[in-house]
Amino acid sequence: MNSIFNKIEEIRRQPDHIRLRWAWGLTAVGMFFIVIIWMISFSAQISSLKSEEKPVDNISNGSAMQELSAQKKSIEDATSQLKNVLGKESQNK
């Protein structure tokens, strides 16, 4: 650990153009690691999205229409219940 502090002090004693090289060099090294980590996480995210995709043939066999009609009925039920609740609240006020 002491050698890191010695190296920092050595760099501080250098002229401006040498310190600027160190700054840009360490920035480039840091960005390299950040880009590598970003690329790994991005490829993992894409592979998980590909594995979660549903096949398109569900639409052709009519199951999508059945799902949509079940959702429509559920939405209609929720809407009627909400109207009933709101109607009762307005009568209580």
Protein backbone atom coordinates (compact mmCIF):
# COMPACT_ATOMS: atom_id res chain seq x y z
CA MET A 1 0.00 0.00 0.00
CA ASN A 2 2.87 2.30 0.73
CA SER A 3 4.19 1.84 -2.80
CA ILE A 4 0.93 3.25 -4.22
CA PHE A 5 1.35 6.43 -2.19
CA ASN A 6 5.00 6.65 -3.26
CA LYS A 7 3.97 6.30 -6.91
CA ILE A 8 1.32 9.02 -6.51
CA GLU A 9 3.89 11.35 -4.97
CA GLU A 10 6.32 10.54 -7.79
CA ILE A 11 3.64 11.40 -10.38
CA ARG A 12 2.82 14.65 -8.55
CA ARG A 13 6.45 15.74 -8.89
CA GLN A 14 6.40 15.21 -12.67
CA PRO A 15 5.77 18.00 -15.20
CA ASP A 16 2.22 18.73 -16.36
CA HIS A 17 2.48 16.83 -19.65
CA ILE A 18 3.55 13.63 -17.81
CA ARG A 19 0.73 13.97 -15.27
CA LEU A 20 -1.72 14.50 -18.14
CA ARG A 21 -0.49 11.27 -19.78
CA TRP A 22 -1.08 9.39 -16.53
CA ALA A 23 -4.55 10.88 -16.19
CA TRP A 24 -5.57 9.95 -19.74
CA GLY A 25 -3.96 6.53 -19.50
CA LEU A 26 -5.75 5.64 -16.26
CA THR A 27 -8.99 7.03 -17.67
CA ALA A 28 -8.63 4.80 -20.73
CA VAL A 29 -7.92 1.73 -18.59
CA GLY A 30 -10.94 2.46 -16.38
CA MET A 31 -13.21 2.98 -19.39
CA PHE A 32 -11.93 -0.26 -20.93
CA PHE A 33 -13.11 -2.21 -17.89
CA ILE A 34 -16.43 -0.36 -17.80
CA VAL A 35 -17.08 -1.12 -21.48
CA ILE A 36 -16.18 -4.79 -20.99
CA ILE A 37 -18.60 -5.09 -18.05
CA TRP A 38 -21.29 -3.26 -20.05
CA MET A 39 -20.85 -5.57 -23.04
CA ILE A 40 -21.08 -8.68 -20.84
CA SER A 41 -24.26 -7.47 -19.13
CA PHE A 42 -25.78 -6.36 -22.44
CA SER A 43 -25.17 -9.75 -24.08
CA ALA A 44 -26.62 -11.52 -21.02
CA GLN A 45 -29.71 -9.32 -21.20
CA ILE A 46 -30.20 -10.02 -24.90
CA SER A 47 -29.80 -13.78 -24.40
CA SER A 48 -32.38 -13.74 -21.60
CA LEU A 49 -34.81 -11.82 -23.82
CA LYS A 50 -34.37 -14.36 -26.62
CA SER A 51 -35.10 -17.24 -24.27
CA GLU A 52 -38.30 -15.54 -23.01
CA GLU A 53 -39.77 -14.93 -26.48
CA LYS A 54 -43.03 -16.70 -27.19
CA PRO A 55 -43.49 -18.40 -30.53
CA VAL A 56 -45.62 -16.60 -33.10
CA ASP A 57 -47.79 -19.65 -33.84
CA ASN A 58 -49.95 -18.88 -30.76
CA ILE A 59 -51.69 -16.19 -32.80
CA SER A 60 -52.47 -18.51 -35.68
CA ASN A 61 -54.28 -21.18 -33.62
CA GLY A 62 -56.71 -18.76 -31.96
CA SER A 63 -55.38 -18.97 -28.41
CA ALA A 64 -54.47 -15.29 -28.55
CA MET A 65 -58.09 -14.41 -29.30
CA GLN A 66 -59.24 -16.53 -26.38
CA GLU A 67 -56.78 -14.74 -24.10
CA LEU A 68 -57.95 -11.35 -25.33
CA SER A 69 -61.62 -12.18 -24.79
CA ALA A 70 -60.88 -13.41 -21.26
CA GLN A 71 -59.02 -10.17 -20.56
CA LYS A 72 -61.91 -8.16 -22.02
CA LYS A 73 -64.37 -9.88 -19.70
CA SER A 74 -62.09 -9.24 -16.74
CA ILE A 75 -61.81 -5.54 -17.63
CA GLU A 76 -65.58 -5.24 -18.02
CA ASP A 77 -66.11 -6.84 -14.59
CA ALA A 78 -63.58 -4.52 -12.97
CA THR A 79 -65.19 -1.49 -14.62
CA SER A 80 -68.67 -2.42 -13.41
CA GLN A 81 -67.39 -3.03 -9.88
CA LEU A 82 -65.63 0.35 -9.91
CA LYS A 83 -68.82 2.07 -11.07
CA ASN A 84 -70.77 0.41 -8.25
CA VAL A 85 -68.21 1.49 -5.65
CA LEU A 86 -68.08 5.05 -6.94
CA GLY A 87 -71.87 5.22 -7.11
CA LYS A 88 -72.18 4.11 -3.48
CA GLU A 89 -69.55 6.63 -2.35
CA SER A 90 -71.33 9.51 -4.08
CA GLN A 91 -74.61 8.53 -2.41
CA ASN A 92 -72.94 8.51 1.03
CA LYS A 93 -71.67 12.09 0.65
